[in-house]
Structure formats: structure tokens, C-alpha cells
Amino acid sequence: MHRPLSRFALWMSCFFCFASACAATGGEAHWIGAWSASPDAAGPAVSDQTIRQVVRISAGGTAVRVRLSNLDGAAPLMLGPVRVASHTEGGAIAPGTDHAVSFNGKPTITLAKGEAAWSDAVEMTVRPLQELAVSLYVPANAGVASTLHSAAMATAYLTEQGDATTSVRFPGTETNGSRFFLTDVDVASVPEGATIVAFGDSITDGVGSNADAQQRWPDDLATRLQGDARFQAVGVANAGIGGNRILHDDYGPSALSRFDRDALDKANVRWIVLLEGINDIGNSGPQAKAEDRVTAEQVTGGMKTLIQRAHARGIRIVGATLTPFGGASWPYHSAANEAKRKAVNDWIRHGGAFDAVVDFDKAIRDPAHPDRMLPAYDSGDHLHPNGAGYKAMAASIDLGLFQAKH
């Protein structure tokens, strides 16, 4: 007697049938965003060094591709060789899992100033929530600045010199808390696979959580999605930048100026969760320059623009309420700025502009002191949640928001 296939087994059967069909016909892979780190700053030059970076992918697939960026470099820069493997611990890789990464069939690529490029597809089966090690050699160069994602909340491993991309145990002793050049990892998924972009500031970036612990709220959202058979072909791309604002450049370009690159242009993006605006408010106090002193209406006006741009692409956008920041240093938090936060949150909840709302404010605030987060969720600076706070935020999201619309 044959048992009927479980939903997961049926999904996996379809997944591998699709992959085999693509291989047999030479068809294009259906890519989804499995990991992302938005570039936000220029960093030190890297020359004749290998960087190994560990990423946890949010969804599985039958192939991967990586995107490298020279966005903040001041001149052309050669990168490569590049390799990708299964990570074990401490920067080490599992023997026999290492794969070469090519760019138009070549082991290296030269990126012009401001340019980014995708690699060729690397045929390797990867599991949801698997940690991959991406090893990147930077040949000797004339001091071109690196392109960083500053607050990685993860450890990058560097050699003092030389190409160590194939090393099982990484020989370098230098570590760094930023991402270098690597901005995206996509996986080849089933035809119905899709991407959620978590777009925001340091609270989406995971500041306040433990390094290398995958405690950002988008990480916890990915874990929840993979625990539900309906959403195992949905990837989560984190487009948070610490200090980011909607209206003005500060840490990284403004949300308005980076929205295409970091959200709308992701592979098969179907949903965006927007959590941004607290830095616009916090940096608009009496210490601010006149042009930085924004009103609640200006913040919501910026959100309206982002909503319109998402809808023009057929992408649904979910508004997240701004989390409490009472107790944060003055003048970042003040009575006037708290009033702006409440006004923005009221508009998010009741303005009807978003396709849906997730109430992160309600999820982590202290009922006895609603302008503050619960002490158990506070990283200590009264602005950024800790790992428990981020988990509570992710737990407050109705996964039904991400069901396919027919």
C-alpha cells in the first residue's frame, strides 16, 4: 500500500523535477533572494588577501549565485577567485563541499567604479537555513577602497596575504565585523518561489543582537517560514542599513534613493516589509540642521512614495510600526520626537496606504510604559531590541500575509 506524499515531500518532488527539467532543457533558473547585505560605506583597501564570509541562506535550492559590488570603490577593482562551500564553524568549511564560482566563465571579474555583478550559477544543492562560506580573494591592487556593509553582526575572516580560498581550515587570524564586497546570495527555486525583502534601518540590520547568532528579526522570520510547508519556497533578503533614513542620506543612501537597488530589483520579490523612519525622527531635534528637521507628515509622505513605487512593480508592501525608543539618549528621543513616532504609527495602522500592517511597536512595548520597550527585549540602549526582542517581532507577523494571491 502506498502512502500519499506529505505536503513537504510533494513540494520536494516538484522541486527536483523542476531542477532536472531546467538542466535537461537548458532553461533559465528561477532565482529568489536567500541572503542580502546592502552596501553602505567605503572601507579600507584589501590587497593580496582572502576574505571568508559566512552567510545563512533563508531558503534552499539546487544552485546558488553571488553578487559582488564595487559600489563605493574609487576605481576599477579585480576580484577573484571566489569559492562557496558549506560552513562548519569558525570559518572552516566541510571537506568535499567546495565549489568554484565563475563570472561569464572566468574565475575573476573586474568591476568598474560603482559597478556590481552576478556570478554564474553554481550547481550545488543547498538546504534552507544552511550556513555557507563564501571565500573571496582580492589580488594586489593600488589601494582601491572596499565596499562594505558596516554592521554585519557576523565575523569575516581575513588572511594577512595570499589566496586561501580553497583552505578547509581558514589560515587567517584577522577578523572583522563588516561585510566586504558580497551583497547577495540567490538560490534556484521552484517556479512559485518568491522573495520577501525586509527593508529598514539598524533594527532590521539586527544591531543589539549577538554576533554570528542569526538573531535579526528577518532571520527569525525565515526560520518561521521554513517551519510551515506553505512557505518553504519563500526567501528573505535583509536590506537593513544601520542609521538609514527614508528622506535623507546619512549612513548609506536614503531609502528613497536605494529602494530600487535594495528592494525592487531583488530576484522575484513579491513582498516588502518596510520598517524605517525612526532615524528621520530621531535626527530631527534641535541639534539637527534645518533640512533634517522633518515632520511626521514628511516621514509618511516618504512612505507613500515608496508604496507607490512598489505598487508600480506589482509588489505588495507591508508597513511595520516604529518600535519604542523612550529612554534613548536626548535629543534623539524627546517628547516632540515621541509625538512624531506616535503620529507615524497611527498613520501606518489606520491610513490604509499599505497592503498590510505588522505591529512591531505592540509586539515589544512595555504596557506600563508604552513609549519604552519591555526591559526583557531591550539591548540596553533603549532603541535596539536584543535577540529576544527581535524574535518577538518576527513572531508577531502573520505568515498568511505571504500566501500567493490568485
Protein backbone atom coordinates (compact mmCIF):
# COMPACT_ATOMS: atom_id res chain seq x y z
CA MET A 1 0.00 0.00 0.00
CA HIS A 2 1.40 3.40 -0.99
CA ARG A 3 1.11 6.29 1.42
CA PRO A 4 0.16 9.68 -0.06
CA LEU A 5 3.00 12.15 -0.26
CA SER A 6 3.17 14.71 2.55
CA ARG A 7 2.94 18.33 1.51
CA PHE A 8 6.67 18.75 2.11
CA ALA A 9 7.55 15.58 0.19
CA LEU A 10 5.32 16.68 -2.66
CA TRP A 11 7.00 20.10 -2.70
CA MET A 12 10.45 18.50 -2.72
CA SER A 13 9.40 16.12 -5.51
CA CYS A 14 8.22 19.06 -7.62
CA PHE A 15 11.38 20.96 -6.69
CA PHE A 16 13.76 18.31 -8.02
CA CYS A 17 11.60 17.57 -11.06
CA PHE A 18 11.79 21.26 -11.92
CA ALA A 19 15.55 21.32 -11.38
CA SER A 20 16.04 18.28 -13.60
CA ALA A 21 13.87 19.80 -16.29
CA CYS A 22 15.91 23.01 -16.23
CA ALA A 23 19.14 21.06 -16.55
CA ALA A 24 17.77 18.97 -19.39
CA THR A 25 16.38 21.86 -21.39
CA GLY A 26 18.98 24.48 -20.56
CA GLY A 27 16.17 26.64 -19.20
CA GLU A 28 16.77 29.68 -17.01
CA ALA A 29 16.76 29.11 -13.26
CA HIS A 30 14.03 30.73 -11.17
CA TRP A 31 16.09 32.75 -8.69
CA ILE A 32 14.93 34.01 -5.30
CA GLY A 33 16.78 36.12 -2.76
CA ALA A 34 18.14 33.92 0.04
CA TRP A 35 20.50 36.40 1.73
CA SER A 36 21.44 40.05 1.37
CA ALA A 37 23.56 42.79 2.96
CA SER A 38 23.06 46.24 1.48
CA PRO A 39 26.29 48.18 0.79
CA ASP A 40 26.51 51.33 2.89
CA ALA A 41 30.09 52.60 3.13
CA ALA A 42 33.61 52.62 1.74
CA GLY A 43 36.11 50.62 3.75
CA PRO A 44 39.85 50.01 3.85
CA ALA A 45 41.66 48.75 0.79
CA VAL A 46 42.15 44.98 0.67
CA SER A 47 45.16 43.79 -1.31
CA ASP A 48 46.51 40.26 -1.85
CA GLN A 49 44.15 38.99 0.84
CA THR A 50 41.41 36.39 1.15
CA ILE A 51 38.14 37.16 2.91
CA ARG A 52 35.88 34.33 4.05
CA GLN A 53 32.33 35.37 4.94
CA VAL A 54 29.63 33.18 6.43
CA VAL A 55 26.01 33.64 5.39
CA ARG A 56 22.90 31.76 6.47
CA ILE A 57 20.60 31.33 3.50
CA SER A 58 16.89 31.67 4.18
CA ALA A 59 15.68 29.14 1.59
CA GLY A 60 17.05 26.09 -0.19
CA GLY A 61 17.65 25.38 -3.85
CA THR A 62 19.53 23.45 -6.50
CA ALA A 63 22.03 26.18 -7.38
CA VAL A 64 23.39 29.42 -5.96
CA ARG A 65 24.76 32.65 -7.37
CA VAL A 66 26.51 35.52 -5.60
CA ARG A 67 26.64 39.23 -6.28
CA LEU A 68 29.79 41.30 -5.74
CA SER A 69 29.87 45.09 -5.61
CA ASN A 70 32.42 47.86 -6.13
CA LEU A 71 29.79 50.49 -5.35
CA ASP A 72 32.00 52.51 -3.03
CA GLY A 73 35.32 51.90 -4.72
CA ALA A 74 37.04 54.82 -6.41
CA ALA A 75 38.49 52.87 -9.35
CA PRO A 76 38.17 49.54 -11.18
CA LEU A 77 38.89 46.52 -8.99
CA MET A 78 39.65 42.88 -9.82
CA LEU A 79 38.06 40.27 -7.55
CA GLY A 80 38.52 36.51 -7.52
CA PRO A 81 38.96 33.60 -7.37
CA VAL A 82 35.74 33.07 -5.42
CA ARG A 83 34.51 29.82 -3.89
CA VAL A 84 31.41 28.74 -1.97
CA ALA A 85 31.15 25.81 0.43
CA SER A 86 29.20 24.53 3.39
CA HIS A 87 30.38 26.22 6.59
CA THR A 88 31.07 24.21 9.73
CA GLU A 89 32.38 26.55 12.43
CA GLY A 90 34.91 29.29 12.98
CA GLY A 91 35.38 29.95 9.29
CA ALA A 92 36.08 26.30 8.43
CA ILE A 93 34.33 24.50 5.58
CA ALA A 94 33.09 20.95 5.22
CA PRO A 95 35.51 18.92 3.05
CA GLY A 96 34.09 17.96 -0.32
CA THR A 97 31.52 20.78 -0.41
CA ASP A 98 33.73 23.44 -2.02
CA HIS A 99 32.69 24.84 -5.42
CA ALA A 100 34.39 27.33 -7.71
CA VAL A 101 32.41 30.45 -8.63
CA SER A 102 32.82 31.91 -12.11
CA PHE A 103 31.85 35.14 -13.84
CA ASN A 104 31.00 34.70 -17.52
CA GLY A 105 33.02 31.51 -17.34
CA LYS A 106 36.09 33.16 -15.81
CA PRO A 107 37.46 32.82 -12.25
CA THR A 108 37.90 36.57 -11.80
CA ILE A 109 35.97 39.71 -12.59
CA THR A 110 36.99 43.35 -12.85
CA LEU A 111 34.30 45.70 -11.58
CA ALA A 112 34.28 49.32 -12.68
CA LYS A 113 33.80 52.03 -10.08
CA GLY A 114 30.24 51.79 -8.80
CA GLU A 115 29.55 48.50 -10.62
CA ALA A 116 28.13 45.23 -9.29
CA ALA A 117 27.86 41.84 -10.99
CA TRP A 118 26.25 38.45 -10.53
CA SER A 119 28.24 35.26 -10.78
CA ASP A 120 27.33 32.35 -12.99
CA ALA A 121 25.09 29.70 -11.44
CA VAL A 122 26.91 27.26 -9.17
CA GLU A 123 25.22 23.88 -9.28
CA MET A 124 25.03 22.70 -5.68
CA THR A 125 22.05 21.64 -3.60
CA VAL A 126 21.66 23.81 -0.52
CA ARG A 127 19.29 23.41 2.41
CA PRO A 128 17.07 26.07 3.95
CA LEU A 129 18.81 27.86 6.83
CA GLN A 130 22.17 26.36 5.85
CA GLU A 131 25.36 28.31 6.55
CA LEU A 132 27.56 28.86 3.51
CA ALA A 133 31.13 30.16 3.47
CA VAL A 134 31.90 32.48 0.57
CA SER A 135 35.67 32.86 0.12
CA LEU A 136 36.88 35.79 -1.95
CA TYR A 137 40.44 36.59 -2.98
CA VAL A 138 41.33 40.23 -3.67
CA PRO A 139 44.51 40.41 -5.78
CA ALA A 140 47.11 43.08 -5.19
CA ASN A 141 45.57 46.44 -6.07
CA ALA A 142 46.52 50.09 -5.98
CA GLY A 143 44.61 50.91 -2.80
CA VAL A 144 41.03 50.86 -4.07
CA ALA A 145 38.61 51.22 -1.14
CA SER A 146 36.46 48.22 -0.32
CA THR A 147 32.66 48.28 -0.42
CA LEU A 148 31.20 47.43 2.96
CA HIS A 149 28.04 46.57 4.76
CA SER A 150 29.18 48.02 8.07
CA ALA A 151 27.13 46.26 10.77
CA ALA A 152 27.33 42.65 9.66
CA MET A 153 26.54 41.17 13.09
CA ALA A 154 28.79 38.41 11.78
CA THR A 155 32.50 37.63 11.62
CA ALA A 156 34.53 37.98 8.44
CA TYR A 157 37.85 36.10 8.36
CA LEU A 158 40.87 37.59 6.55
CA THR A 159 44.34 36.40 5.67
CA GLU A 160 47.35 38.65 6.01
CA GLN A 161 48.18 37.82 2.42
CA GLY A 162 47.64 35.23 -0.27
CA ASP A 163 44.87 33.18 -1.87
CA ALA A 164 43.39 30.83 0.74
CA THR A 165 40.00 30.38 -0.92
CA THR A 166 40.35 26.58 -1.07
CA SER A 167 41.56 26.12 2.52
CA VAL A 168 39.36 23.88 4.67
CA ARG A 169 40.65 25.43 7.90
CA PHE A 170 40.99 29.12 7.22
CA PRO A 171 44.60 30.17 7.89
CA GLY A 172 44.00 33.85 8.57
CA THR A 173 43.94 35.32 12.06
CA GLU A 174 42.41 38.72 11.30
CA THR A 175 38.66 39.16 11.80
CA ASN A 176 36.29 41.99 11.00
CA GLY A 177 32.66 42.82 11.81
CA SER A 178 31.73 44.11 8.34
CA ARG A 179 30.76 42.51 5.05
CA PHE A 180 33.19 43.04 2.15
CA PHE A 181 32.03 43.25 -1.49
CA LEU A 182 29.42 40.48 -1.05
CA THR A 183 25.88 41.87 -1.24
CA ASP A 184 23.57 38.99 -2.26
CA VAL A 185 23.19 35.24 -2.44
CA ASP A 186 20.32 33.86 -4.54
CA VAL A 187 19.16 30.27 -4.84
CA ALA A 188 17.48 28.47 -7.75
CA SER A 189 13.97 27.67 -6.58
CA VAL A 190 10.72 26.20 -7.87
CA PRO A 191 8.63 28.31 -10.29
CA GLU A 192 6.38 29.58 -7.49
CA GLY A 193 9.35 30.63 -5.35
CA ALA A 194 9.40 34.26 -4.25
CA THR A 195 11.33 36.78 -2.17
CA ILE A 196 10.40 38.90 0.84
CA VAL A 197 12.60 41.98 1.27
CA ALA A 198 12.97 43.26 4.83
CA PHE A 199 13.77 46.92 4.22
CA GLY A 200 14.85 49.19 7.04
CA ASP A 201 17.50 50.57 9.34
CA SER A 202 19.61 49.16 12.19
CA ILE A 203 16.59 47.45 13.76
CA THR A 204 16.23 45.37 10.60
CA ASP A 205 20.02 45.03 10.41
CA GLY A 206 19.95 43.34 13.83
CA VAL A 207 22.02 45.80 15.86
CA GLY A 208 21.70 44.83 19.52
CA SER A 209 21.64 41.09 18.84
CA ASN A 210 24.57 38.71 19.29
CA ALA A 211 27.13 38.38 16.50
CA ASP A 212 27.08 35.15 14.48
CA ALA A 213 23.82 34.11 16.19
CA GLN A 214 21.34 34.83 13.35
CA GLN A 215 19.07 36.77 15.74
CA ARG A 216 17.83 39.55 13.45
CA TRP A 217 14.06 39.64 13.05
CA PRO A 218 14.36 38.73 9.33
CA ASP A 219 16.38 35.65 10.43
CA ASP A 220 13.59 34.64 12.80
CA LEU A 221 11.02 35.28 10.09
CA ALA A 222 12.94 32.97 7.73
CA THR A 223 13.00 30.26 10.43
CA ARG A 224 9.24 30.56 10.86
CA LEU A 225 8.63 30.39 7.12
CA GLN A 226 10.73 27.23 6.79
CA GLY A 227 8.69 25.63 9.57
CA ASP A 228 5.50 26.00 7.52
CA ALA A 229 5.05 23.83 4.42
CA ARG A 230 3.28 26.68 2.64
CA PHE A 231 6.34 28.93 2.61
CA GLN A 232 9.42 26.79 2.09
CA ALA A 233 9.98 28.31 -1.34
CA VAL A 234 9.99 31.85 0.09
CA GLY A 235 13.33 33.55 0.71
CA VAL A 236 14.06 36.55 2.92
CA ALA A 237 16.53 39.23 1.83
CA ASN A 238 17.65 41.63 4.57
CA ALA A 239 18.01 45.19 3.24
CA GLY A 240 18.61 46.91 6.57
CA ILE A 241 21.28 49.59 7.00
CA GLY A 242 22.20 50.97 10.40
CA GLY A 243 21.37 54.66 10.74
CA ASN A 244 19.41 54.70 7.48
CA ARG A 245 16.68 57.28 6.88
CA ILE A 246 13.79 57.50 4.46
CA LEU A 247 14.28 61.10 3.40
CA HIS A 248 17.97 61.96 3.70
CA ASP A 249 21.32 60.30 3.13
CA ASP A 250 23.20 59.53 6.34
CA TYR A 251 24.52 56.03 6.90
CA GLY A 252 24.16 54.78 3.38
CA PRO A 253 21.92 56.40 0.79
CA SER A 254 18.36 57.26 1.81
CA ALA A 255 15.56 54.74 1.45
CA LEU A 256 14.16 56.80 -1.41
CA SER A 257 17.43 56.64 -3.35
CA ARG A 258 18.32 52.98 -2.68
CA PHE A 259 14.84 51.44 -2.93
CA ASP A 260 15.25 50.15 -6.47
CA ARG A 261 18.66 48.55 -5.90
CA ASP A 262 18.00 47.11 -2.44
CA ALA A 263 14.33 46.12 -2.75
CA LEU A 264 12.51 46.41 -6.06
CA ASP A 265 15.28 44.83 -8.14
CA LYS A 266 15.73 41.72 -5.98
CA ALA A 267 15.01 38.44 -7.74
CA ASN A 268 11.30 37.61 -7.87
CA VAL A 269 10.45 39.94 -5.00
CA ARG A 270 6.76 39.67 -4.15
CA TRP A 271 6.59 41.41 -0.77
CA ILE A 272 8.46 44.19 1.04
CA VAL A 273 8.24 44.74 4.80
CA LEU A 274 9.11 48.38 5.49
CA LEU A 275 10.43 49.32 8.95
CA GLU A 276 12.03 52.71 8.63
CA GLY A 277 11.58 56.27 9.84
CA ILE A 278 12.87 56.26 13.41
CA ASN A 279 16.18 57.83 12.31
CA ASP A 280 14.37 60.55 10.38
CA ILE A 281 12.55 61.37 13.62
CA GLY A 282 15.49 60.91 15.99
CA ASN A 283 17.74 63.14 13.91
CA SER A 284 15.21 65.95 13.59
CA GLY A 285 15.60 67.50 17.06
CA PRO A 286 17.00 70.90 17.98
CA GLN A 287 20.56 69.73 17.28
CA ALA A 288 19.75 68.99 13.65
CA LYS A 289 20.41 71.06 10.58
CA ALA A 290 17.33 72.84 9.33
CA GLU A 291 16.85 70.47 6.37
CA ASP A 292 16.92 67.45 8.70
CA ARG A 293 14.11 68.67 10.93
CA VAL A 294 11.28 66.66 9.48
CA THR A 295 7.64 66.39 10.44
CA ALA A 296 5.58 63.24 10.83
CA GLU A 297 3.80 64.21 7.61
CA GLN A 298 7.10 64.33 5.73
CA VAL A 299 8.01 60.86 7.01
CA THR A 300 4.66 59.40 5.96
CA GLY A 301 4.97 61.26 2.67
CA GLY A 302 8.23 59.40 2.03
CA MET A 303 6.48 56.13 2.86
CA LYS A 304 3.72 56.96 0.38
CA THR A 305 6.34 57.40 -2.34
CA LEU A 306 7.87 54.00 -1.54
CA ILE A 307 4.42 52.39 -1.57
CA GLN A 308 3.64 53.89 -4.97
CA ARG A 309 6.93 52.66 -6.40
CA ALA A 310 6.37 49.14 -5.08
CA HIS A 311 2.82 49.02 -6.44
CA ALA A 312 4.05 50.21 -9.84
CA ARG A 313 6.10 46.99 -9.96
CA GLY A 314 3.19 44.82 -8.77
CA ILE A 315 4.86 44.27 -5.38
CA ARG A 316 2.89 44.20 -2.13
CA ILE A 317 4.31 46.34 0.67
CA VAL A 318 3.70 45.76 4.38
CA GLY A 319 4.09 48.63 6.83
CA ALA A 320 5.71 47.94 10.19
CA THR A 321 5.06 50.27 13.10
CA LEU A 322 8.08 52.05 14.58
CA THR A 323 9.29 50.43 17.78
CA PRO A 324 9.52 52.29 21.13
CA PHE A 325 12.62 54.32 21.87
CA GLY A 326 11.80 56.01 25.17
CA GLY A 327 14.94 56.30 27.27
CA ALA A 328 17.25 56.61 24.28
CA SER A 329 19.72 59.45 24.57
CA TRP A 330 18.45 63.02 24.29
CA PRO A 331 17.91 64.73 21.89
CA TYR A 332 17.40 61.60 19.77
CA HIS A 333 14.40 60.80 21.96
CA SER A 334 12.31 63.70 23.24
CA ALA A 335 8.66 64.46 23.89
CA ALA A 336 8.40 66.10 20.47
CA ASN A 337 10.01 63.14 18.70
CA GLU A 338 7.83 60.69 20.61
CA ALA A 339 4.76 62.57 19.39
CA LYS A 340 6.05 62.20 15.81
CA ARG A 341 6.56 58.45 16.27
CA LYS A 342 3.03 58.04 17.56
CA ALA A 343 1.62 60.08 14.67
CA VAL A 344 3.53 58.00 12.13
CA ASN A 345 2.38 54.77 13.76
CA ASP A 346 -1.22 55.94 13.79
CA TRP A 347 -0.97 56.60 10.06
CA ILE A 348 0.65 53.22 9.40
CA ARG A 349 -2.10 51.42 11.34
CA HIS A 350 -5.09 53.36 10.06
CA GLY A 351 -4.08 55.23 6.92
CA GLY A 352 -4.91 52.36 4.59
CA ALA A 353 -1.93 53.01 2.32
CA PHE A 354 -0.08 49.75 2.99
CA ASP A 355 -1.27 46.38 1.75
CA ALA A 356 -1.00 45.10 5.32
CA VAL A 357 0.44 46.14 8.68
CA VAL A 358 2.64 44.36 11.23
CA ASP A 359 2.59 45.95 14.67
CA PHE A 360 6.18 45.70 15.90
CA ASP A 361 5.50 48.54 18.35
CA LYS A 362 2.80 46.50 20.09
CA ALA A 363 4.92 43.34 19.99
CA ILE A 364 7.76 44.69 22.15
CA ARG A 365 6.49 47.73 24.05
CA ASP A 366 6.08 47.79 27.82
CA PRO A 367 2.31 48.02 28.53
CA ALA A 368 3.07 50.00 31.69
CA HIS A 369 5.29 52.45 29.76
CA PRO A 370 4.18 52.35 26.10
CA ASP A 371 6.91 54.71 24.93
CA ARG A 372 9.52 52.15 26.05
CA MET A 373 10.22 48.57 25.06
CA LEU A 374 9.94 45.81 27.64
CA PRO A 375 13.18 45.53 29.63
CA ALA A 376 13.44 41.85 28.65
CA TYR A 377 13.59 42.94 24.99
CA ASP A 378 15.97 45.89 25.41
CA SER A 379 19.59 45.52 24.27
CA GLY A 380 20.48 48.23 26.78
CA ASP A 381 20.39 51.39 24.68
CA HIS A 382 16.57 51.66 24.76
CA LEU A 383 16.49 51.85 20.98
CA HIS A 384 17.62 48.47 19.65
CA PRO A 385 15.97 45.23 20.74
CA ASN A 386 18.05 42.25 21.80
CA GLY A 387 17.73 38.77 20.33
CA ALA A 388 14.60 38.05 22.37
CA GLY A 389 13.04 41.29 21.19
CA TYR A 390 13.75 40.53 17.55
CA LYS A 391 12.25 37.06 17.99
CA ALA A 392 9.09 38.61 19.45
CA MET A 393 8.88 40.97 16.48
CA ALA A 394 9.11 38.10 14.00
CA ALA A 395 6.58 36.07 15.99
CA SER A 396 4.05 38.90 15.67
CA ILE A 397 3.97 38.63 11.85
CA ASP A 398 1.00 36.79 10.36
CA LEU A 399 2.59 34.40 7.86
CA GLY A 400 -0.66 34.40 5.93
CA LEU A 401 0.37 37.79 4.57
CA PHE A 402 2.81 35.95 2.32
CA GLN A 403 0.44 33.49 0.72
CA ALA A 404 0.30 33.67 -3.04
CA LYS A 405 -2.61 35.69 -4.39
CA HIS A 406 -4.55 34.01 -7.17
